[in-house]
Amino acid sequence: MSGTELDVQLTSNRFLEKLAAQRVHLSPSERRVADFVLDHPEQIIRMSIATLAETVGVSQPTVLRFVRALGLQRYPELKLLTGQSIVSGTPYLHSEVAPDDELDTIVTKVFDSSVYVLNSVRQSIDQDALRRVVGILHDARRIDCFGTGAASILAIEAQHKLMRLGIPVVTYGDTHLQRMASATLRPGDVAMCFSHTGEVSDTVKMAQMARHVGATVVAVTRPGTTLADAADVLLAVDAKENTEVYAPMTSRIAHAVLIDVIATALALSFGEPMLARLREVKDSLVDLRLQPHRDEVVNSFRRDRS
């Protein structure tokens, strides 16, 4: 972590929200402190720095570094802002689904978590890294998209969005094919690797092989992970969720939106000819949609009005 203070607007009523958005920039040990503050804000206001350090399993100097990374000088400031945030009613919206939750509670938690994570990723995204990825894909000779398990859906989504631009884009459903494909990449090619945890051995090996043969590796994953370390460019998505019980939910949504951002920015980087091509691609699907007979539509409208 650099010594530069994070750009956190420490307004009392949005402190926890800003902390959640900025946790991606913290060191792994500092992130553990941040997670405890976000999950147990009501406990923080009653804990000494020694108690917090012992509870989280870090040293007191680590807690102090965390405090100063937020632009604060002393630990009591952290307690004060956390308390003010609770009083103002600002929630930390990533609440895990519990076994005894009713359906309406599940709906609220899942939707609130998704909205909150999207907003957090939007605030924390590295714009320079994103701009670099768009440039790399713009010049790519070939793009291979890798992901296993739940992340395989993201690899397919990336293929669907990027292939419309006329760039050869491939994804593979079998990990053996993925391994062989990564070995056939060459300089000028790109391997896009998706993983929430960043610790899936197959995806990490694909990234390492692609980089070994000279391809550029773009990882969409959590920072400080093995996959992040294997990448040339990291697009950090640090959605906090329970992957031990439930498959990643909010992170998958954040990854999918990031794919949309990349595809849109990439299309615009090619200029008007690309936009004309995209219109042609969309028009090619028109006859696949069922078109109700005009008279049936008019009659239906009249029946609804009567």
C-alpha atoms as a PDB file:
ATOM      1  CA  MET A   1       0.000   0.000   0.000  1.00  0.00           C
ATOM      2  CA  SER A   2       1.397   3.412  -0.897  1.00  0.00           C
ATOM      3  CA  GLY A   3       1.828   6.107   1.700  1.00  0.00           C
ATOM      4  CA  THR A   4      -0.634   8.363  -0.077  1.00  0.00           C
ATOM      5  CA  GLU A   5      -3.827   8.823   1.878  1.00  0.00           C
ATOM      6  CA  LEU A   6      -6.906   7.364   0.303  1.00  0.00           C
ATOM      7  CA  ASP A   7      -9.442   9.744  -1.133  1.00  0.00           C
ATOM      8  CA  VAL A   8     -12.163   9.124   1.422  1.00  0.00           C
ATOM      9  CA  GLN A   9     -14.716  11.842   2.126  1.00  0.00           C
ATOM     10  CA  LEU A  10     -15.167  11.375   5.828  1.00  0.00           C
ATOM     11  CA  THR A  11     -18.653  12.742   6.172  1.00  0.00           C
ATOM     12  CA  SER A  12     -20.263  11.261   9.234  1.00  0.00           C
ATOM     13  CA  ASN A  13     -23.348   9.938   7.487  1.00  0.00           C
ATOM     14  CA  ARG A  14     -21.448   8.086   4.729  1.00  0.00           C
ATOM     15  CA  PHE A  15     -18.343   6.851   6.508  1.00  0.00           C
ATOM     16  CA  LEU A  16     -19.150   3.130   6.327  1.00  0.00           C
ATOM     17  CA  GLU A  17     -20.212   3.440   2.690  1.00  0.00           C
ATOM     18  CA  LYS A  18     -16.948   5.144   1.768  1.00  0.00           C
ATOM     19  CA  LEU A  19     -14.950   2.604   3.763  1.00  0.00           C
ATOM     20  CA  ALA A  20     -16.587  -0.281   1.889  1.00  0.00           C
ATOM     21  CA  ALA A  21     -15.815   1.353  -1.459  1.00  0.00           C
ATOM     22  CA  GLN A  22     -12.153   1.953  -0.545  1.00  0.00           C
ATOM     23  CA  ARG A  23     -11.331  -1.426   1.031  1.00  0.00           C
ATOM     24  CA  VAL A  24      -9.989  -2.620  -2.316  1.00  0.00           C
ATOM     25  CA  HIS A  25      -7.031  -0.252  -1.882  1.00  0.00           C
ATOM     26  CA  LEU A  26      -6.048  -1.587   1.540  1.00  0.00           C
ATOM     27  CA  SER A  27      -3.435  -4.218   2.319  1.00  0.00           C
ATOM     28  CA  PRO A  28      -4.757  -7.728   3.159  1.00  0.00           C
ATOM     29  CA  SER A  29      -4.278  -7.226   6.903  1.00  0.00           C
ATOM     30  CA  GLU A  30      -5.856  -3.761   6.813  1.00  0.00           C
ATOM     31  CA  ARG A  31      -8.734  -5.212   4.792  1.00  0.00           C
ATOM     32  CA  ARG A  32      -9.423  -7.651   7.633  1.00  0.00           C
ATOM     33  CA  VAL A  33      -9.827  -4.703   9.983  1.00  0.00           C
ATOM     34  CA  ALA A  34     -12.085  -2.953   7.470  1.00  0.00           C
ATOM     35  CA  ASP A  35     -14.277  -6.034   7.116  1.00  0.00           C
ATOM     36  CA  PHE A  36     -14.735  -6.250  10.881  1.00  0.00           C
ATOM     37  CA  VAL A  37     -15.657  -2.571  11.084  1.00  0.00           C
ATOM     38  CA  LEU A  38     -18.179  -2.990   8.268  1.00  0.00           C
ATOM     39  CA  ASP A  39     -19.700  -6.177   9.673  1.00  0.00           C
ATOM     40  CA  HIS A  40     -19.741  -5.110  13.344  1.00  0.00           C
ATOM     41  CA  PRO A  41     -19.917  -1.295  13.503  1.00  0.00           C
ATOM     42  CA  GLU A  42     -21.903  -1.366  16.726  1.00  0.00           C
ATOM     43  CA  GLN A  43     -19.051  -3.248  18.445  1.00  0.00           C
ATOM     44  CA  ILE A  44     -16.326  -0.887  17.254  1.00  0.00           C
ATOM     45  CA  ILE A  45     -17.638   2.038  19.268  1.00  0.00           C
ATOM     46  CA  ARG A  46     -17.105   0.013  22.470  1.00  0.00           C
ATOM     47  CA  MET A  47     -13.734  -1.575  21.621  1.00  0.00           C
ATOM     48  CA  SER A  48     -10.256  -0.386  22.489  1.00  0.00           C
ATOM     49  CA  ILE A  49      -7.563  -0.578  19.847  1.00  0.00           C
ATOM     50  CA  ALA A  50      -6.001  -3.531  21.677  1.00  0.00           C
ATOM     51  CA  THR A  51      -9.316  -5.413  21.772  1.00  0.00           C
ATOM     52  CA  LEU A  52      -9.958  -4.771  18.070  1.00  0.00           C
ATOM     53  CA  ALA A  53      -6.471  -5.947  17.118  1.00  0.00           C
ATOM     54  CA  GLU A  54      -6.836  -9.127  19.184  1.00  0.00           C
ATOM     55  CA  THR A  55     -10.339  -9.851  17.855  1.00  0.00           C
ATOM     56  CA  VAL A  56      -9.337  -9.434  14.212  1.00  0.00           C
ATOM     57  CA  GLY A  57      -6.003 -11.199  14.668  1.00  0.00           C
ATOM     58  CA  VAL A  58      -3.677  -8.370  13.667  1.00  0.00           C
ATOM     59  CA  SER A  59      -1.215  -6.143  15.494  1.00  0.00           C
ATOM     60  CA  GLN A  60      -2.063  -2.762  16.998  1.00  0.00           C
ATOM     61  CA  PRO A  61       0.292  -1.028  14.511  1.00  0.00           C
ATOM     62  CA  THR A  62      -1.768  -2.616  11.713  1.00  0.00           C
ATOM     63  CA  VAL A  63      -4.927  -1.061  13.145  1.00  0.00           C
ATOM     64  CA  LEU A  64      -3.156   2.298  13.326  1.00  0.00           C
ATOM     65  CA  ARG A  65      -2.014   1.980   9.698  1.00  0.00           C
ATOM     66  CA  PHE A  66      -5.615   1.218   8.748  1.00  0.00           C
ATOM     67  CA  VAL A  67      -6.820   4.318  10.606  1.00  0.00           C
ATOM     68  CA  ARG A  68      -4.227   6.532   8.940  1.00  0.00           C
ATOM     69  CA  ALA A  69      -4.946   5.035   5.515  1.00  0.00           C
ATOM     70  CA  LEU A  70      -8.416   6.524   5.922  1.00  0.00           C
ATOM     71  CA  GLY A  71      -6.949   9.960   6.501  1.00  0.00           C
ATOM     72  CA  LEU A  72      -7.513   9.861  10.264  1.00  0.00           C
ATOM     73  CA  GLN A  73      -4.940  10.622  12.918  1.00  0.00           C
ATOM     74  CA  ARG A  74      -6.163   8.681  15.925  1.00  0.00           C
ATOM     75  CA  TYR A  75      -8.189   5.542  16.660  1.00  0.00           C
ATOM     76  CA  PRO A  76     -10.904   7.448  18.598  1.00  0.00           C
ATOM     77  CA  GLU A  77     -11.761   9.263  15.326  1.00  0.00           C
ATOM     78  CA  LEU A  78     -12.600   5.894  13.782  1.00  0.00           C
ATOM     79  CA  LYS A  79     -14.929   5.086  16.686  1.00  0.00           C
ATOM     80  CA  LEU A  80     -16.570   8.512  16.463  1.00  0.00           C
ATOM     81  CA  LEU A  81     -17.266   8.363  12.730  1.00  0.00           C
ATOM     82  CA  THR A  82     -18.493   4.781  12.980  1.00  0.00           C
ATOM     83  CA  GLY A  83     -20.873   5.756  15.756  1.00  0.00           C
ATOM     84  CA  GLN A  84     -22.149   8.779  13.833  1.00  0.00           C
ATOM     85  CA  SER A  85     -22.709   6.590  10.787  1.00  0.00           C
ATOM     86  CA  ILE A  86     -24.818   4.185  12.845  1.00  0.00           C
ATOM     87  CA  VAL A  87     -26.866   7.014  14.322  1.00  0.00           C
ATOM     88  CA  SER A  88     -27.484   8.511  10.883  1.00  0.00           C
ATOM     89  CA  GLY A  89     -28.941   5.208   9.759  1.00  0.00           C
ATOM     90  CA  THR A  90     -26.350   4.462   7.063  1.00  0.00           C
ATOM     91  CA  PRO A  91     -26.321   0.676   6.729  1.00  0.00           C
ATOM     92  CA  TYR A  92     -23.649  -1.601   5.417  1.00  0.00           C
ATOM     93  CA  LEU A  93     -25.868  -3.323   2.918  1.00  0.00           C
ATOM     94  CA  HIS A  94     -23.999  -6.547   2.317  1.00  0.00           C
ATOM     95  CA  SER A  95     -25.967  -8.700   4.757  1.00  0.00           C
ATOM     96  CA  GLU A  96     -25.525 -12.435   4.341  1.00  0.00           C
ATOM     97  CA  VAL A  97     -28.629 -14.530   3.847  1.00  0.00           C
ATOM     98  CA  ALA A  98     -29.434 -16.501   6.985  1.00  0.00           C
ATOM     99  CA  PRO A  99     -31.081 -19.959   7.049  1.00  0.00           C
ATOM    100  CA  ASP A 100     -34.165 -18.603   8.839  1.00  0.00           C
ATOM    101  CA  ASP A 101     -34.703 -15.569   6.578  1.00  0.00           C
ATOM    102  CA  GLU A 102     -38.188 -15.108   5.156  1.00  0.00           C
ATOM    103  CA  LEU A 103     -38.634 -14.587   1.404  1.00  0.00           C
ATOM    104  CA  ASP A 104     -39.145 -10.816   1.704  1.00  0.00           C
ATOM    105  CA  THR A 105     -35.922 -10.565   3.739  1.00  0.00           C
ATOM    106  CA  ILE A 106     -34.026 -12.590   1.130  1.00  0.00           C
ATOM    107  CA  VAL A 107     -35.322 -10.294  -1.630  1.00  0.00           C
ATOM    108  CA  THR A 108     -34.223  -7.214   0.313  1.00  0.00           C
ATOM    109  CA  LYS A 109     -30.764  -8.568   1.156  1.00  0.00           C
ATOM    110  CA  VAL A 110     -29.945  -9.828  -2.339  1.00  0.00           C
ATOM    111  CA  PHE A 111     -31.135  -6.670  -4.108  1.00  0.00           C
ATOM    112  CA  ASP A 112     -29.556  -4.307  -1.576  1.00  0.00           C
ATOM    113  CA  SER A 113     -26.256  -6.173  -1.696  1.00  0.00           C
ATOM    114  CA  SER A 114     -26.180  -6.088  -5.489  1.00  0.00           C
ATOM    115  CA  VAL A 115     -26.942  -2.368  -5.669  1.00  0.00           C
ATOM    116  CA  TYR A 116     -24.409  -1.604  -2.969  1.00  0.00           C
ATOM    117  CA  VAL A 117     -21.591  -3.641  -4.532  1.00  0.00           C
ATOM    118  CA  LEU A 118     -22.185  -2.054  -7.940  1.00  0.00           C
ATOM    119  CA  ASN A 119     -21.901   1.392  -6.412  1.00  0.00           C
ATOM    120  CA  SER A 120     -18.785   0.408  -4.454  1.00  0.00           C
ATOM    121  CA  VAL A 121     -17.054  -1.012  -7.529  1.00  0.00           C
ATOM    122  CA  ARG A 122     -17.972   2.095  -9.513  1.00  0.00           C
ATOM    123  CA  GLN A 123     -16.268   4.271  -6.913  1.00  0.00           C
ATOM    124  CA  SER A 124     -13.183   2.093  -6.505  1.00  0.00           C
ATOM    125  CA  ILE A 125     -12.474   1.054 -10.106  1.00  0.00           C
ATOM    126  CA  ASP A 126      -8.997   1.885 -11.336  1.00  0.00           C
ATOM    127  CA  GLN A 127      -9.704   4.140 -14.311  1.00  0.00           C
ATOM    128  CA  ASP A 128      -6.115   3.950 -15.569  1.00  0.00           C
ATOM    129  CA  ALA A 129      -6.199   0.151 -15.562  1.00  0.00           C
ATOM    130  CA  LEU A 130      -9.581   0.183 -17.298  1.00  0.00           C
ATOM    131  CA  ARG A 131      -8.289   2.562 -19.969  1.00  0.00           C
ATOM    132  CA  ARG A 132      -5.246   0.335 -20.461  1.00  0.00           C
ATOM    133  CA  VAL A 133      -7.431  -2.770 -20.869  1.00  0.00           C
ATOM    134  CA  VAL A 134      -9.546  -1.061 -23.542  1.00  0.00           C
ATOM    135  CA  GLY A 135      -6.377  -0.141 -25.424  1.00  0.00           C
ATOM    136  CA  ILE A 136      -4.985  -3.672 -25.154  1.00  0.00           C
ATOM    137  CA  LEU A 137      -8.210  -5.220 -26.451  1.00  0.00           C
ATOM    138  CA  HIS A 138      -8.398  -2.632 -29.239  1.00  0.00           C
ATOM    139  CA  ASP A 139      -5.058  -3.855 -30.589  1.00  0.00           C
ATOM    140  CA  ALA A 140      -5.578  -7.564 -29.803  1.00  0.00           C
ATOM    141  CA  ARG A 141      -5.035 -10.168 -32.498  1.00  0.00           C
ATOM    142  CA  ARG A 142      -7.030 -12.746 -30.550  1.00  0.00           C
ATOM    143  CA  ILE A 143      -8.856 -12.770 -27.205  1.00  0.00           C
ATOM    144  CA  ASP A 144      -9.396 -15.899 -25.124  1.00  0.00           C
ATOM    145  CA  CYS A 145     -11.759 -15.681 -22.140  1.00  0.00           C
ATOM    146  CA  PHE A 146     -11.142 -18.028 -19.214  1.00  0.00           C
ATOM    147  CA  GLY A 147     -13.250 -18.875 -16.182  1.00  0.00           C
ATOM    148  CA  THR A 148     -14.367 -22.007 -14.367  1.00  0.00           C
ATOM    149  CA  GLY A 149     -17.439 -22.757 -12.278  1.00  0.00           C
ATOM    150  CA  ALA A 150     -19.590 -19.674 -11.772  1.00  0.00           C
ATOM    151  CA  ALA A 151     -16.955 -17.578 -13.551  1.00  0.00           C
ATOM    152  CA  SER A 152     -17.410 -19.603 -16.752  1.00  0.00           C
ATOM    153  CA  ILE A 153     -20.662 -17.668 -17.245  1.00  0.00           C
ATOM    154  CA  LEU A 154     -18.628 -14.452 -17.222  1.00  0.00           C
ATOM    155  CA  ALA A 155     -16.218 -15.809 -19.825  1.00  0.00           C
ATOM    156  CA  ILE A 156     -19.184 -16.629 -22.070  1.00  0.00           C
ATOM    157  CA  GLU A 157     -20.683 -13.169 -21.433  1.00  0.00           C
ATOM    158  CA  ALA A 158     -17.393 -11.526 -22.432  1.00  0.00           C
ATOM    159  CA  GLN A 159     -17.270 -13.594 -25.612  1.00  0.00           C
ATOM    160  CA  HIS A 160     -20.829 -12.633 -26.544  1.00  0.00           C
ATOM    161  CA  LYS A 161     -20.156  -8.932 -26.033  1.00  0.00           C
ATOM    162  CA  LEU A 162     -16.717  -8.727 -27.662  1.00  0.00           C
ATOM    163  CA  MET A 163     -17.214 -10.992 -30.688  1.00  0.00           C
ATOM    164  CA  ARG A 164     -19.663  -8.454 -32.140  1.00  0.00           C
ATOM    165  CA  LEU A 165     -16.723  -6.107 -32.637  1.00  0.00           C
ATOM    166  CA  GLY A 166     -15.129  -8.368 -35.226  1.00  0.00           C
ATOM    167  CA  ILE A 167     -12.221  -9.445 -33.019  1.00  0.00           C
ATOM    168  CA  PRO A 168     -11.651 -13.226 -32.776  1.00  0.00           C
ATOM    169  CA  VAL A 169     -12.908 -14.036 -29.255  1.00  0.00           C
ATOM    170  CA  VAL A 170     -13.131 -17.580 -27.893  1.00  0.00           C
ATOM    171  CA  THR A 171     -14.128 -19.253 -24.648  1.00  0.00           C
ATOM    172  CA  TYR A 172     -13.923 -22.927 -23.764  1.00  0.00           C
ATOM    173  CA  GLY A 173     -16.221 -25.057 -21.605  1.00  0.00           C
ATOM    174  CA  ASP A 174     -13.631 -27.709 -20.833  1.00  0.00           C
ATOM    175  CA  THR A 175     -10.605 -26.987 -18.639  1.00  0.00           C
ATOM    176  CA  HIS A 176      -8.387 -29.250 -20.745  1.00  0.00           C
ATOM    177  CA  LEU A 177      -9.258 -27.208 -23.816  1.00  0.00           C
ATOM    178  CA  GLN A 178      -8.622 -24.040 -21.842  1.00  0.00           C
ATOM    179  CA  ARG A 179      -5.178 -25.281 -20.817  1.00  0.00           C
ATOM    180  CA  MET A 180      -4.258 -26.196 -24.400  1.00  0.00           C
ATOM    181  CA  ALA A 181      -5.677 -22.945 -25.766  1.00  0.00           C
ATOM    182  CA  SER A 182      -3.630 -20.851 -23.335  1.00  0.00           C
ATOM    183  CA  ALA A 183      -0.497 -22.593 -24.592  1.00  0.00           C
ATOM    184  CA  THR A 184      -1.293 -21.585 -28.190  1.00  0.00           C
ATOM    185  CA  LEU A 185      -1.514 -17.854 -27.419  1.00  0.00           C
ATOM    186  CA  ARG A 186       1.224 -15.599 -28.706  1.00  0.00           C
ATOM    187  CA  PRO A 187       2.389 -11.981 -28.296  1.00  0.00           C
ATOM    188  CA  GLY A 188      -0.425  -9.702 -29.410  1.00  0.00           C
ATOM    189  CA  ASP A 189      -3.055 -12.067 -28.005  1.00  0.00           C
ATOM    190  CA  VAL A 190      -4.991 -11.449 -24.790  1.00  0.00           C
ATOM    191  CA  ALA A 191      -6.149 -13.820 -22.062  1.00  0.00           C
ATOM    192  CA  MET A 192      -9.053 -12.433 -20.016  1.00  0.00           C
ATOM    193  CA  CYS A 193      -9.356 -14.369 -16.757  1.00  0.00           C
ATOM    194  CA  PHE A 194     -12.378 -14.110 -14.469  1.00  0.00           C
ATOM    195  CA  SER A 195     -12.535 -15.284 -10.854  1.00  0.00           C
ATOM    196  CA  HIS A 196     -14.143 -13.931  -7.699  1.00  0.00           C
ATOM    197  CA  THR A 197     -11.686 -15.515  -5.259  1.00  0.00           C
ATOM    198  CA  GLY A 198      -8.615 -15.263  -7.491  1.00  0.00           C
ATOM    199  CA  GLU A 199      -7.462 -18.582  -6.080  1.00  0.00           C
ATOM    200  CA  VAL A 200      -8.943 -21.110  -8.531  1.00  0.00           C
ATOM    201  CA  SER A 201      -5.993 -23.279  -9.575  1.00  0.00           C
ATOM    202  CA  ASP A 202      -7.171 -23.928 -13.159  1.00  0.00           C
ATOM    203  CA  THR A 203      -7.688 -20.235 -13.915  1.00  0.00           C
ATOM    204  CA  VAL A 204      -4.382 -19.290 -12.294  1.00  0.00           C
ATOM    205  CA  LYS A 205      -2.542 -21.906 -14.375  1.00  0.00           C
ATOM    206  CA  MET A 206      -4.204 -20.605 -17.546  1.00  0.00           C
ATOM    207  CA  ALA A 207      -3.053 -17.085 -16.725  1.00  0.00           C
ATOM    208  CA  GLN A 208       0.473 -18.228 -15.922  1.00  0.00           C
ATOM    209  CA  MET A 209       0.730 -20.233 -19.144  1.00  0.00           C
ATOM    210  CA  ALA A 210      -0.640 -17.370 -21.264  1.00  0.00           C
ATOM    211  CA  ARG A 211       1.863 -14.961 -19.762  1.00  0.00           C
ATOM    212  CA  HIS A 212       4.679 -17.470 -20.214  1.00  0.00           C
ATOM    213  CA  VAL A 213       4.041 -17.687 -23.977  1.00  0.00           C
ATOM    214  CA  GLY A 214       3.967 -13.905 -24.346  1.00  0.00           C
ATOM    215  CA  ALA A 215       0.241 -13.087 -24.326  1.00  0.00           C
ATOM    216  CA  THR A 216      -1.123 -10.211 -22.246  1.00  0.00           C
ATOM    217  CA  VAL A 217      -3.125 -11.378 -19.225  1.00  0.00           C
ATOM    218  CA  VAL A 218      -6.054  -9.284 -17.955  1.00  0.00           C
ATOM    219  CA  ALA A 219      -7.484 -10.475 -14.641  1.00  0.00           C
ATOM    220  CA  VAL A 220     -10.879  -9.460 -13.295  1.00  0.00           C
ATOM    221  CA  THR A 221     -10.668 -10.561  -9.684  1.00  0.00           C
ATOM    222  CA  ARG A 222      -9.882  -9.520  -6.130  1.00  0.00           C
ATOM    223  CA  PRO A 223      -6.609  -7.699  -5.455  1.00  0.00           C
ATOM    224  CA  GLY A 224      -3.814  -9.425  -3.574  1.00  0.00           C
ATOM    225  CA  THR A 225      -4.718 -12.863  -4.935  1.00  0.00           C
ATOM    226  CA  THR A 226      -2.655 -15.399  -6.876  1.00  0.00           C
ATOM    227  CA  LEU A 227      -4.555 -14.615 -10.083  1.00  0.00           C
ATOM    228  CA  ALA A 228      -4.022 -10.883  -9.590  1.00  0.00           C
ATOM    229  CA  ASP A 229      -0.282 -11.492  -9.202  1.00  0.00           C
ATOM    230  CA  ALA A 230      -0.232 -13.571 -12.416  1.00  0.00           C
ATOM    231  CA  ALA A 231      -1.818 -10.784 -14.503  1.00  0.00           C
ATOM    232  CA  ASP A 232      -0.276  -7.999 -16.536  1.00  0.00           C
ATOM    233  CA  VAL A 233      -3.286  -5.790 -15.806  1.00  0.00           C
ATOM    234  CA  LEU A 234      -5.679  -6.139 -12.878  1.00  0.00           C
ATOM    235  CA  LEU A 235      -9.265  -4.903 -12.875  1.00  0.00           C
ATOM    236  CA  ALA A 236     -10.038  -5.241  -9.180  1.00  0.00           C
ATOM    237  CA  VAL A 237     -13.533  -6.281  -8.130  1.00  0.00           C
ATOM    238  CA  ASP A 238     -13.476  -6.777  -4.383  1.00  0.00           C
ATOM    239  CA  ALA A 239     -17.056  -7.780  -3.583  1.00  0.00           C
ATOM    240  CA  LYS A 240     -17.270  -9.189  -0.086  1.00  0.00           C
ATOM    241  CA  GLU A 241     -19.498 -12.247   0.050  1.00  0.00           C
ATOM    242  CA  ASN A 242     -19.754 -15.699   1.551  1.00  0.00           C
ATOM    243  CA  THR A 243     -18.421 -18.152  -1.029  1.00  0.00           C
ATOM    244  CA  GLU A 244     -18.316 -21.074   1.415  1.00  0.00           C
ATOM    245  CA  VAL A 245     -22.098 -21.584   1.323  1.00  0.00           C
ATOM    246  CA  TYR A 246     -23.492 -19.622  -1.616  1.00  0.00           C
ATOM    247  CA  ALA A 247     -22.045 -19.273  -5.091  1.00  0.00           C
ATOM    248  CA  PRO A 248     -20.850 -15.699  -5.705  1.00  0.00           C
ATOM    249  CA  MET A 249     -23.840 -13.489  -6.424  1.00  0.00           C
ATOM    250  CA  THR A 250     -22.950  -9.822  -6.135  1.00  0.00           C
ATOM    251  CA  SER A 251     -19.452 -10.244  -7.565  1.00  0.00           C
ATOM    252  CA  ARG A 252     -20.842 -11.931 -10.675  1.00  0.00           C
ATOM    253  CA  ILE A 253     -23.165  -8.971 -11.247  1.00  0.00           C
ATOM    254  CA  ALA A 254     -20.295  -6.513 -10.768  1.00  0.00           C
ATOM    255  CA  HIS A 255     -18.124  -8.490 -13.208  1.00  0.00           C
ATOM    256  CA  ALA A 256     -20.920  -8.547 -15.797  1.00  0.00           C
ATOM    257  CA  VAL A 257     -21.428  -4.780 -15.571  1.00  0.00           C
ATOM    258  CA  LEU A 258     -17.677  -4.280 -15.921  1.00  0.00           C
ATOM    259  CA  ILE A 259     -17.772  -6.392 -19.094  1.00  0.00           C
ATOM    260  CA  ASP A 260     -20.501  -4.070 -20.417  1.00  0.00           C
ATOM    261  CA  VAL A 261     -18.335  -1.040 -19.622  1.00  0.00           C
ATOM    262  CA  ILE A 262     -15.344  -2.568 -21.417  1.00  0.00           C
ATOM    263  CA  ALA A 263     -17.369  -3.600 -24.479  1.00  0.00           C
ATOM    264  CA  THR A 264     -19.011  -0.175 -24.755  1.00  0.00           C
ATOM    265  CA  ALA A 265     -15.747   1.749 -24.374  1.00  0.00           C
ATOM    266  CA  LEU A 266     -14.030  -0.584 -26.826  1.00  0.00           C
ATOM    267  CA  ALA A 267     -16.768  -0.146 -29.441  1.00  0.00           C
ATOM    268  CA  LEU A 268     -16.566   3.635 -29.151  1.00  0.00           C
ATOM    269  CA  SER A 269     -12.780   3.516 -29.497  1.00  0.00           C
ATOM    270  CA  PHE A 270     -13.202   2.121 -33.031  1.00  0.00           C
ATOM    271  CA  GLY A 271     -15.346   5.078 -34.096  1.00  0.00           C
ATOM    272  CA  GLU A 272     -18.391   5.347 -36.362  1.00  0.00           C
ATOM    273  CA  PRO A 273     -17.565   2.351 -38.624  1.00  0.00           C
ATOM    274  CA  MET A 274     -17.826   0.074 -35.593  1.00  0.00           C
ATOM    275  CA  LEU A 275     -21.168   1.565 -34.585  1.00  0.00           C
ATOM    276  CA  ALA A 276     -22.448   0.866 -38.102  1.00  0.00           C
ATOM    277  CA  ARG A 277     -21.248  -2.725 -37.774  1.00  0.00           C
ATOM    278  CA  LEU A 278     -23.018  -3.131 -34.443  1.00  0.00           C
ATOM    279  CA  ARG A 279     -26.243  -1.903 -36.021  1.00  0.00           C
ATOM    280  CA  GLU A 280     -25.826  -4.510 -38.764  1.00  0.00           C
ATOM    281  CA  VAL A 281     -25.271  -7.219 -36.161  1.00  0.00           C
ATOM    282  CA  LYS A 282     -28.422  -6.198 -34.312  1.00  0.00           C
ATOM    283  CA  ASP A 283     -30.419  -6.027 -37.542  1.00  0.00           C
ATOM    284  CA  SER A 284     -29.315  -9.574 -38.386  1.00  0.00           C
ATOM    285  CA  LEU A 285     -31.434 -10.815 -35.486  1.00  0.00           C
ATOM    286  CA  VAL A 286     -34.655  -9.017 -36.391  1.00  0.00           C
ATOM    287  CA  ASP A 287     -36.255 -11.934 -38.219  1.00  0.00           C
ATOM    288  CA  LEU A 288     -35.634 -14.219 -35.234  1.00  0.00           C
ATOM    289  CA  ARG A 289     -38.171 -12.348 -33.119  1.00  0.00           C
ATOM    290  CA  LEU A 290     -41.846 -13.205 -33.422  1.00  0.00           C
ATOM    291  CA  GLN A 291     -43.755 -10.185 -34.745  1.00  0.00           C
ATOM    292  CA  PRO A 292     -47.466 -10.088 -33.809  1.00  0.00           C
ATOM    293  CA  HIS A 293     -49.757  -9.333 -36.722  1.00  0.00           C
ATOM    294  CA  ARG A 294     -50.586  -5.628 -36.775  1.00  0.00           C
ATOM    295  CA  ASP A 295     -54.340  -6.284 -36.730  1.00  0.00           C
ATOM    296  CA  GLU A 296     -53.962  -8.504 -33.648  1.00  0.00           C
ATOM    297  CA  VAL A 297     -52.065  -5.750 -31.855  1.00  0.00           C
ATOM    298  CA  VAL A 298     -54.715  -3.149 -32.772  1.00  0.00           C
ATOM    299  CA  ASN A 299     -57.567  -5.432 -31.713  1.00  0.00           C
ATOM    300  CA  SER A 300     -55.850  -6.221 -28.437  1.00  0.00           C
ATOM    301  CA  PHE A 301     -55.390  -2.500 -27.765  1.00  0.00           C
ATOM    302  CA  ARG A 302     -59.054  -1.856 -28.498  1.00  0.00           C
ATOM    303  CA  ARG A 303     -60.169  -4.639 -26.169  1.00  0.00           C
ATOM    304  CA  ASP A 304     -58.033  -3.184 -23.387  1.00  0.00           C
ATOM    305  CA  ARG A 305     -59.624   0.245 -23.925  1.00  0.00           C
ATOM    306  CA  SER A 306     -63.191  -1.073 -23.892  1.00  0.00           C
END
